[in-house]
C-alpha atoms as a PDB file:
ATOM      1  CA  MET A   1      25.082 -54.847 -91.098  1.00  0.00           C
ATOM      2  CA  LYS A   2      25.137 -51.119 -90.992  1.00  0.00           C
ATOM      3  CA  ILE A   3      26.110 -48.845 -93.779  1.00  0.00           C
ATOM      4  CA  ASN A   4      26.567 -45.240 -94.445  1.00  0.00           C
ATOM      5  CA  ILE A   5      24.058 -43.314 -96.713  1.00  0.00           C
ATOM      6  CA  ALA A   6      24.961 -40.016 -98.377  1.00  0.00           C
ATOM      7  CA  ILE A   7      22.049 -37.616 -99.465  1.00  0.00           C
ATOM      8  CA  ASP A   8      22.972 -34.684-101.740  1.00  0.00           C
ATOM      9  CA  GLY A   9      21.136 -31.920-103.338  1.00  0.00           C
ATOM     10  CA  PRO A  10      20.387 -28.300-103.513  1.00  0.00           C
ATOM     11  CA  SER A  11      18.955 -25.862-100.812  1.00  0.00           C
ATOM     12  CA  ALA A  12      15.600 -26.739 -99.461  1.00  0.00           C
ATOM     13  CA  ALA A  13      15.212 -30.079-101.405  1.00  0.00           C
ATOM     14  CA  GLY A  14      14.103 -31.700 -98.293  1.00  0.00           C
ATOM     15  CA  LYS A  15      17.288 -33.530 -97.619  1.00  0.00           C
ATOM     16  CA  SER A  16      17.357 -33.060 -93.798  1.00  0.00           C
ATOM     17  CA  THR A  17      13.791 -33.850 -93.150  1.00  0.00           C
ATOM     18  CA  VAL A  18      13.987 -37.027 -95.262  1.00  0.00           C
ATOM     19  CA  ALA A  19      17.382 -38.079 -93.473  1.00  0.00           C
ATOM     20  CA  LYS A  20      15.873 -37.645 -89.975  1.00  0.00           C
ATOM     21  CA  GLU A  21      12.906 -39.883 -90.824  1.00  0.00           C
ATOM     22  CA  LEU A  22      15.090 -42.584 -92.563  1.00  0.00           C
ATOM     23  CA  ALA A  23      17.279 -42.432 -89.462  1.00  0.00           C
ATOM     24  CA  LYS A  24      14.562 -42.996 -87.125  1.00  0.00           C
ATOM     25  CA  ARG A  25      13.052 -45.948 -89.313  1.00  0.00           C
ATOM     26  CA  LEU A  26      16.459 -47.402 -89.711  1.00  0.00           C
ATOM     27  CA  GLY A  27      17.877 -46.818 -86.159  1.00  0.00           C
ATOM     28  CA  TYR A  28      20.560 -44.810 -87.743  1.00  0.00           C
ATOM     29  CA  THR A  29      22.071 -41.537 -86.725  1.00  0.00           C
ATOM     30  CA  HIS A  30      21.511 -38.622 -88.980  1.00  0.00           C
ATOM     31  CA  LEU A  31      24.101 -35.937 -89.115  1.00  0.00           C
ATOM     32  CA  ASP A  32      23.034 -32.733 -90.430  1.00  0.00           C
ATOM     33  CA  THR A  33      26.371 -31.298 -92.048  1.00  0.00           C
ATOM     34  CA  GLY A  34      24.655 -28.269 -93.369  1.00  0.00           C
ATOM     35  CA  SER A  35      24.048 -27.026 -89.748  1.00  0.00           C
ATOM     36  CA  MET A  36      27.685 -27.047 -89.171  1.00  0.00           C
ATOM     37  CA  TYR A  37      28.352 -24.685 -91.928  1.00  0.00           C
ATOM     38  CA  ARG A  38      25.453 -22.562 -90.527  1.00  0.00           C
ATOM     39  CA  ALA A  39      27.141 -22.615 -87.175  1.00  0.00           C
ATOM     40  CA  VAL A  40      30.284 -21.247 -88.544  1.00  0.00           C
ATOM     41  CA  ALA A  41      28.405 -18.613 -90.502  1.00  0.00           C
ATOM     42  CA  TYR A  42      26.762 -17.645 -87.228  1.00  0.00           C
ATOM     43  CA  ILE A  43      29.970 -17.233 -85.034  1.00  0.00           C
ATOM     44  CA  THR A  44      31.638 -15.485 -88.005  1.00  0.00           C
ATOM     45  CA  LYS A  45      28.809 -12.980 -88.027  1.00  0.00           C
ATOM     46  CA  GLU A  46      28.730 -12.727 -84.100  1.00  0.00           C
ATOM     47  CA  ALA A  47      32.458 -12.013 -84.125  1.00  0.00           C
ATOM     48  CA  ASN A  48      32.104  -9.435 -86.943  1.00  0.00           C
ATOM     49  CA  ILE A  49      34.573 -11.091 -88.959  1.00  0.00           C
ATOM     50  CA  LYS A  50      34.392 -10.575 -92.833  1.00  0.00           C
ATOM     51  CA  ILE A  51      32.777 -13.437 -94.504  1.00  0.00           C
ATOM     52  CA  ASP A  52      35.702 -14.163 -96.727  1.00  0.00           C
ATOM     53  CA  ASP A  53      38.428 -13.812 -94.019  1.00  0.00           C
ATOM     54  CA  GLU A  54      39.488 -17.368 -94.186  1.00  0.00           C
ATOM     55  CA  GLU A  55      42.338 -17.276 -91.512  1.00  0.00           C
ATOM     56  CA  LYS A  56      40.158 -15.495 -88.886  1.00  0.00           C
ATOM     57  CA  ILE A  57      37.173 -17.888 -89.548  1.00  0.00           C
ATOM     58  CA  VAL A  58      39.514 -21.106 -89.195  1.00  0.00           C
ATOM     59  CA  ASN A  59      41.062 -19.646 -86.031  1.00  0.00           C
ATOM     60  CA  LEU A  60      37.600 -18.982 -84.772  1.00  0.00           C
ATOM     61  CA  ILE A  61      36.424 -22.602 -85.440  1.00  0.00           C
ATOM     62  CA  ASN A  62      39.523 -23.638 -83.605  1.00  0.00           C
ATOM     63  CA  MET A  63      38.611 -21.505 -80.575  1.00  0.00           C
ATOM     64  CA  SER A  64      34.883 -22.581 -80.573  1.00  0.00           C
ATOM     65  CA  ASN A  65      33.322 -25.347 -79.124  1.00  0.00           C
ATOM     66  CA  ILE A  66      30.837 -26.544 -81.904  1.00  0.00           C
ATOM     67  CA  GLU A  67      28.755 -29.730 -80.770  1.00  0.00           C
ATOM     68  CA  ILE A  68      26.089 -31.550 -82.632  1.00  0.00           C
ATOM     69  CA  SER A  69      23.901 -33.922 -80.739  1.00  0.00           C
ATOM     70  CA  ASN A  70      22.332 -37.195 -82.107  1.00  0.00           C
ATOM     71  CA  ASP A  71      19.107 -35.258 -82.496  1.00  0.00           C
ATOM     72  CA  ASN A  72      21.004 -32.648 -84.393  1.00  0.00           C
ATOM     73  CA  HIS A  73      20.726 -29.837 -81.954  1.00  0.00           C
ATOM     74  CA  ILE A  74      23.785 -27.682 -82.548  1.00  0.00           C
ATOM     75  CA  THR A  75      25.453 -25.812 -79.699  1.00  0.00           C
ATOM     76  CA  VAL A  76      28.340 -23.304 -79.800  1.00  0.00           C
ATOM     77  CA  ASN A  77      30.195 -22.893 -76.506  1.00  0.00           C
ATOM     78  CA  GLY A  78      27.090 -24.229 -74.921  1.00  0.00           C
ATOM     79  CA  LYS A  79      24.559 -22.058 -76.413  1.00  0.00           C
ATOM     80  CA  ASP A  80      21.807 -23.757 -78.391  1.00  0.00           C
ATOM     81  CA  ILE A  81      21.595 -22.076 -81.871  1.00  0.00           C
ATOM     82  CA  THR A  82      19.411 -24.684 -83.561  1.00  0.00           C
ATOM     83  CA  GLU A  83      16.561 -22.379 -84.611  1.00  0.00           C
ATOM     84  CA  ILE A  84      18.831 -19.203 -84.981  1.00  0.00           C
ATOM     85  CA  ILE A  85      20.856 -20.572 -87.844  1.00  0.00           C
ATOM     86  CA  ARG A  86      17.766 -21.388 -90.102  1.00  0.00           C
ATOM     87  CA  SER A  87      17.172 -17.754 -91.020  1.00  0.00           C
ATOM     88  CA  ASN A  88      17.812 -16.815 -94.804  1.00  0.00           C
ATOM     89  CA  GLU A  89      20.647 -14.421 -93.724  1.00  0.00           C
ATOM     90  CA  ILE A  90      22.443 -17.297 -92.031  1.00  0.00           C
ATOM     91  CA  SER A  91      21.636 -19.592 -95.018  1.00  0.00           C
ATOM     92  CA  MET A  92      23.247 -17.201 -97.510  1.00  0.00           C
ATOM     93  CA  ALA A  93      26.165 -16.803 -95.177  1.00  0.00           C
ATOM     94  CA  ALA A  94      26.711 -20.446 -94.771  1.00  0.00           C
ATOM     95  CA  SER A  95      26.872 -20.798 -98.552  1.00  0.00           C
ATOM     96  CA  ASP A  96      29.610 -18.103 -98.611  1.00  0.00           C
ATOM     97  CA  VAL A  97      31.856 -19.690 -95.819  1.00  0.00           C
ATOM     98  CA  SER A  98      31.366 -23.226 -97.447  1.00  0.00           C
ATOM     99  CA  LYS A  99      33.407 -21.802-100.267  1.00  0.00           C
ATOM    100  CA  LEU A 100      36.571 -21.414 -98.143  1.00  0.00           C
ATOM    101  CA  LYS A 101      38.980 -24.434 -98.619  1.00  0.00           C
ATOM    102  CA  ARG A 102      40.370 -24.434 -95.090  1.00  0.00           C
ATOM    103  CA  VAL A 103      36.906 -24.190 -93.460  1.00  0.00           C
ATOM    104  CA  ARG A 104      35.697 -27.140 -95.584  1.00  0.00           C
ATOM    105  CA  GLU A 105      38.720 -29.173 -94.654  1.00  0.00           C
ATOM    106  CA  ALA A 106      38.193 -28.484 -90.710  1.00  0.00           C
ATOM    107  CA  LEU A 107      34.491 -29.479 -91.094  1.00  0.00           C
ATOM    108  CA  VAL A 108      34.894 -32.494 -93.494  1.00  0.00           C
ATOM    109  CA  ALA A 109      37.525 -33.937 -91.111  1.00  0.00           C
ATOM    110  CA  MET A 110      34.918 -33.795 -88.281  1.00  0.00           C
ATOM    111  CA  GLN A 111      32.267 -35.306 -90.407  1.00  0.00           C
ATOM    112  CA  ARG A 112      34.375 -38.203 -91.604  1.00  0.00           C
ATOM    113  CA  LYS A 113      35.516 -39.141 -87.943  1.00  0.00           C
ATOM    114  CA  ILE A 114      31.922 -39.098 -86.766  1.00  0.00           C
ATOM    115  CA  ALA A 115      30.781 -41.559 -89.510  1.00  0.00           C
ATOM    116  CA  SER A 116      33.647 -43.741 -89.479  1.00  0.00           C
ATOM    117  CA  GLN A 117      31.693 -46.152 -87.009  1.00  0.00           C
ATOM    118  CA  LYS A 118      29.216 -46.606 -89.772  1.00  0.00           C
ATOM    119  CA  GLY A 119      25.411 -46.457 -89.421  1.00  0.00           C
ATOM    120  CA  TYR A 120      25.018 -42.838 -90.339  1.00  0.00           C
ATOM    121  CA  ILE A 121      23.161 -40.655 -92.746  1.00  0.00           C
ATOM    122  CA  LEU A 122      24.716 -37.484 -93.892  1.00  0.00           C
ATOM    123  CA  ASP A 123      23.121 -35.038 -96.081  1.00  0.00           C
ATOM    124  CA  GLY A 124      24.524 -31.889 -97.687  1.00  0.00           C
ATOM    125  CA  ARG A 125      25.971 -30.670-101.123  1.00  0.00           C
ATOM    126  CA  ASP A 126      29.072 -32.950-101.301  1.00  0.00           C
ATOM    127  CA  ILE A 127      28.665 -35.867 -99.179  1.00  0.00           C
ATOM    128  CA  GLY A 128      28.835 -38.478-102.129  1.00  0.00           C
ATOM    129  CA  THR A 129      31.445 -36.552-103.973  1.00  0.00           C
ATOM    130  CA  VAL A 130      33.837 -35.583-101.076  1.00  0.00           C
ATOM    131  CA  VAL A 131      32.911 -36.357 -97.596  1.00  0.00           C
ATOM    132  CA  LEU A 132      31.929 -39.796 -97.745  1.00  0.00           C
ATOM    133  CA  LYS A 133      33.193 -41.007-101.317  1.00  0.00           C
ATOM    134  CA  ASP A 134      32.762 -44.645-100.171  1.00  0.00           C
ATOM    135  CA  ALA A 135      29.055 -44.419 -98.793  1.00  0.00           C
ATOM    136  CA  GLU A 136      27.202 -47.500 -99.548  1.00  0.00           C
ATOM    137  CA  VAL A 137      24.159 -45.656-100.696  1.00  0.00           C
ATOM    138  CA  LYS A 138      24.244 -42.189-102.393  1.00  0.00           C
ATOM    139  CA  ILE A 139      21.066 -40.219-103.322  1.00  0.00           C
ATOM    140  CA  TYR A 140      20.875 -37.045-105.211  1.00  0.00           C
ATOM    141  CA  LEU A 141      17.603 -35.481-104.221  1.00  0.00           C
ATOM    142  CA  ILE A 142      16.293 -32.564-106.253  1.00  0.00           C
ATOM    143  CA  ALA A 143      12.987 -30.599-106.660  1.00  0.00           C
ATOM    144  CA  SER A 144      12.172 -27.402-108.745  1.00  0.00           C
ATOM    145  CA  ALA A 145      13.146 -23.950-107.289  1.00  0.00           C
ATOM    146  CA  GLU A 146       9.424 -23.037-107.029  1.00  0.00           C
ATOM    147  CA  THR A 147       8.383 -26.227-105.236  1.00  0.00           C
ATOM    148  CA  ARG A 148      11.312 -25.667-102.746  1.00  0.00           C
ATOM    149  CA  ALA A 149      10.298 -22.233-102.150  1.00  0.00           C
ATOM    150  CA  GLN A 150       6.796 -23.076-101.585  1.00  0.00           C
ATOM    151  CA  ARG A 151       7.840 -25.697 -98.925  1.00  0.00           C
ATOM    152  CA  ARG A 152       9.954 -23.082 -97.171  1.00  0.00           C
ATOM    153  CA  VAL A 153       7.164 -20.672 -97.218  1.00  0.00           C
ATOM    154  CA  LEU A 154       5.030 -23.610 -95.437  1.00  0.00           C
ATOM    155  CA  GLN A 155       7.824 -24.304 -92.785  1.00  0.00           C
ATOM    156  CA  ASN A 156       8.000 -20.462 -92.067  1.00  0.00           C
ATOM    157  CA  LYS A 157       4.192 -20.323 -91.894  1.00  0.00           C
ATOM    158  CA  GLU A 158       4.226 -23.334 -89.256  1.00  0.00           C
ATOM    159  CA  LYS A 159       6.869 -21.631 -87.110  1.00  0.00           C
ATOM    160  CA  GLY A 160       5.319 -18.287 -87.276  1.00  0.00           C
ATOM    161  CA  ILE A 161       8.271 -16.921 -89.281  1.00  0.00           C
ATOM    162  CA  PRO A 162       7.582 -13.769 -91.667  1.00  0.00           C
ATOM    163  CA  TYR A 163       8.113 -14.767 -95.234  1.00  0.00           C
ATOM    164  CA  ASP A 164       8.084 -13.343 -98.693  1.00  0.00           C
ATOM    165  CA  TYR A 165       7.732 -16.052-101.369  1.00  0.00           C
ATOM    166  CA  GLU A 166       9.371 -14.061-104.264  1.00  0.00           C
ATOM    167  CA  GLN A 167      12.326 -13.204-101.936  1.00  0.00           C
ATOM    168  CA  ILE A 168      12.645 -16.815-100.772  1.00  0.00           C
ATOM    169  CA  LEU A 169      12.566 -17.883-104.525  1.00  0.00           C
ATOM    170  CA  GLU A 170      15.231 -15.452-105.399  1.00  0.00           C
ATOM    171  CA  ASP A 171      17.401 -16.699-102.473  1.00  0.00           C
ATOM    172  CA  ILE A 172      16.921 -20.357-103.502  1.00  0.00           C
ATOM    173  CA  LYS A 173      18.015 -19.453-107.026  1.00  0.00           C
ATOM    174  CA  LYS A 174      21.065 -17.426-105.886  1.00  0.00           C
ATOM    175  CA  ARG A 175      22.021 -20.221-103.448  1.00  0.00           C
ATOM    176  CA  ASP A 176      21.813 -22.853-106.209  1.00  0.00           C
ATOM    177  CA  TYR A 177      24.081 -20.676-108.450  1.00  0.00           C
ATOM    178  CA  GLN A 178      26.623 -20.244-105.498  1.00  0.00           C
ATOM    179  CA  ASP A 179      26.747 -23.891-104.647  1.00  0.00           C
ATOM    180  CA  ILE A 180      27.124 -25.131-108.188  1.00  0.00           C
ATOM    181  CA  HIS A 181      29.791 -22.666-109.044  1.00  0.00           C
ATOM    182  CA  ARG A 182      31.827 -22.334-106.013  1.00  0.00           C
ATOM    183  CA  LYS A 183      35.439 -23.446-106.434  1.00  0.00           C
ATOM    184  CA  GLU A 184      35.684 -25.803-103.461  1.00  0.00           C
ATOM    185  CA  SER A 185      33.504 -28.996-103.502  1.00  0.00           C
ATOM    186  CA  PRO A 186      30.657 -27.653-105.833  1.00  0.00           C
ATOM    187  CA  LEU A 187      27.143 -29.126-105.679  1.00  0.00           C
ATOM    188  CA  LYS A 188      27.056 -32.090-108.202  1.00  0.00           C
ATOM    189  CA  LYS A 189      25.889 -35.646-108.450  1.00  0.00           C
ATOM    190  CA  ALA A 190      28.081 -38.373-107.756  1.00  0.00           C
ATOM    191  CA  GLU A 191      28.552 -40.720-110.513  1.00  0.00           C
ATOM    192  CA  ASP A 192      27.223 -43.610-108.695  1.00  0.00           C
ATOM    193  CA  ALA A 193      24.374 -41.745-106.892  1.00  0.00           C
ATOM    194  CA  ILE A 194      20.711 -42.409-107.594  1.00  0.00           C
ATOM    195  CA  GLU A 195      18.714 -39.130-108.625  1.00  0.00           C
ATOM    196  CA  LEU A 196      15.291 -38.601-107.032  1.00  0.00           C
ATOM    197  CA  ASP A 197      13.059 -35.645-108.356  1.00  0.00           C
ATOM    198  CA  SER A 198      10.698 -34.923-105.250  1.00  0.00           C
ATOM    199  CA  SER A 199       8.803 -32.031-107.155  1.00  0.00           C
ATOM    200  CA  ASP A 200       5.690 -34.259-107.513  1.00  0.00           C
ATOM    201  CA  MET A 201       6.284 -36.633-104.576  1.00  0.00           C
ATOM    202  CA  THR A 202       5.124 -36.582-100.976  1.00  0.00           C
ATOM    203  CA  GLN A 203       7.828 -36.926 -98.263  1.00  0.00           C
ATOM    204  CA  GLU A 204       6.517 -40.385 -97.527  1.00  0.00           C
ATOM    205  CA  GLU A 205       6.945 -41.521-101.117  1.00  0.00           C
ATOM    206  CA  VAL A 206      10.464 -40.153-101.080  1.00  0.00           C
ATOM    207  CA  ILE A 207      11.276 -42.083 -97.924  1.00  0.00           C
ATOM    208  CA  LEU A 208       9.679 -45.267 -99.099  1.00  0.00           C
ATOM    209  CA  GLU A 209      11.690 -45.088-102.503  1.00  0.00           C
ATOM    210  CA  ILE A 210      14.942 -44.625-100.621  1.00  0.00           C
ATOM    211  CA  LEU A 211      14.291 -47.330 -98.089  1.00  0.00           C
ATOM    212  CA  ASP A 212      13.800 -49.589-101.148  1.00  0.00           C
ATOM    213  CA  ILE A 213      17.099 -48.654-102.491  1.00  0.00           C
ATOM    214  CA  ILE A 214      18.787 -49.129 -99.140  1.00  0.00           C
ATOM    215  CA  ASN A 215      17.152 -52.573 -98.519  1.00  0.00           C
ATOM    216  CA  LYS A 216      18.482 -53.765-102.077  1.00  0.00           C
ATOM    217  CA  ARG A 217      21.835 -52.630-101.220  1.00  0.00           C
ATOM    218  CA  ILE A 218      22.067 -54.323 -97.773  1.00  0.00           C
END
């Protein structure tokens, strides 16, 4: 029996990395919902549309062919933007566009349709509270802002991307505030979610803990 798994939490908590590995071990499909908002932020900036112009952004979404593969490569109108959308600039813009009600409605509809077949792991800010309220397993993955900033620095080092720890830490704290206080689908723990603080845990320890939760549920 396959189920759906929702992993929520703040920016840079390791949700996508953990979700990808869980999907691999379980034979599930990981859907990185955050990359969908990043893609919208990217096309909005490319089209020189103001980040709060909801009507124009929704029209742009409807005119664009946004596709996400099983290995979470995301393309817009045939262009692979997987790496481009990981910049801090796009990350902050994604937080802004995710506040827009009609944008969220459009993307949530896509996500629900994809996951309706079961066997999906979705991660984001509002998966357990909005997108997949009926997910059989819900995890709320957190870590201190300092830990998350350090992890982002290591990621940038590995990819050869310039970094500034203090700026990354400031951006993470700002992103947290925006996500928690936004009007539409704010970041919060679902009542039936299990919270895991990964600040002092290795990635493998987090994965094994979640696998144990899933196995007990199944």
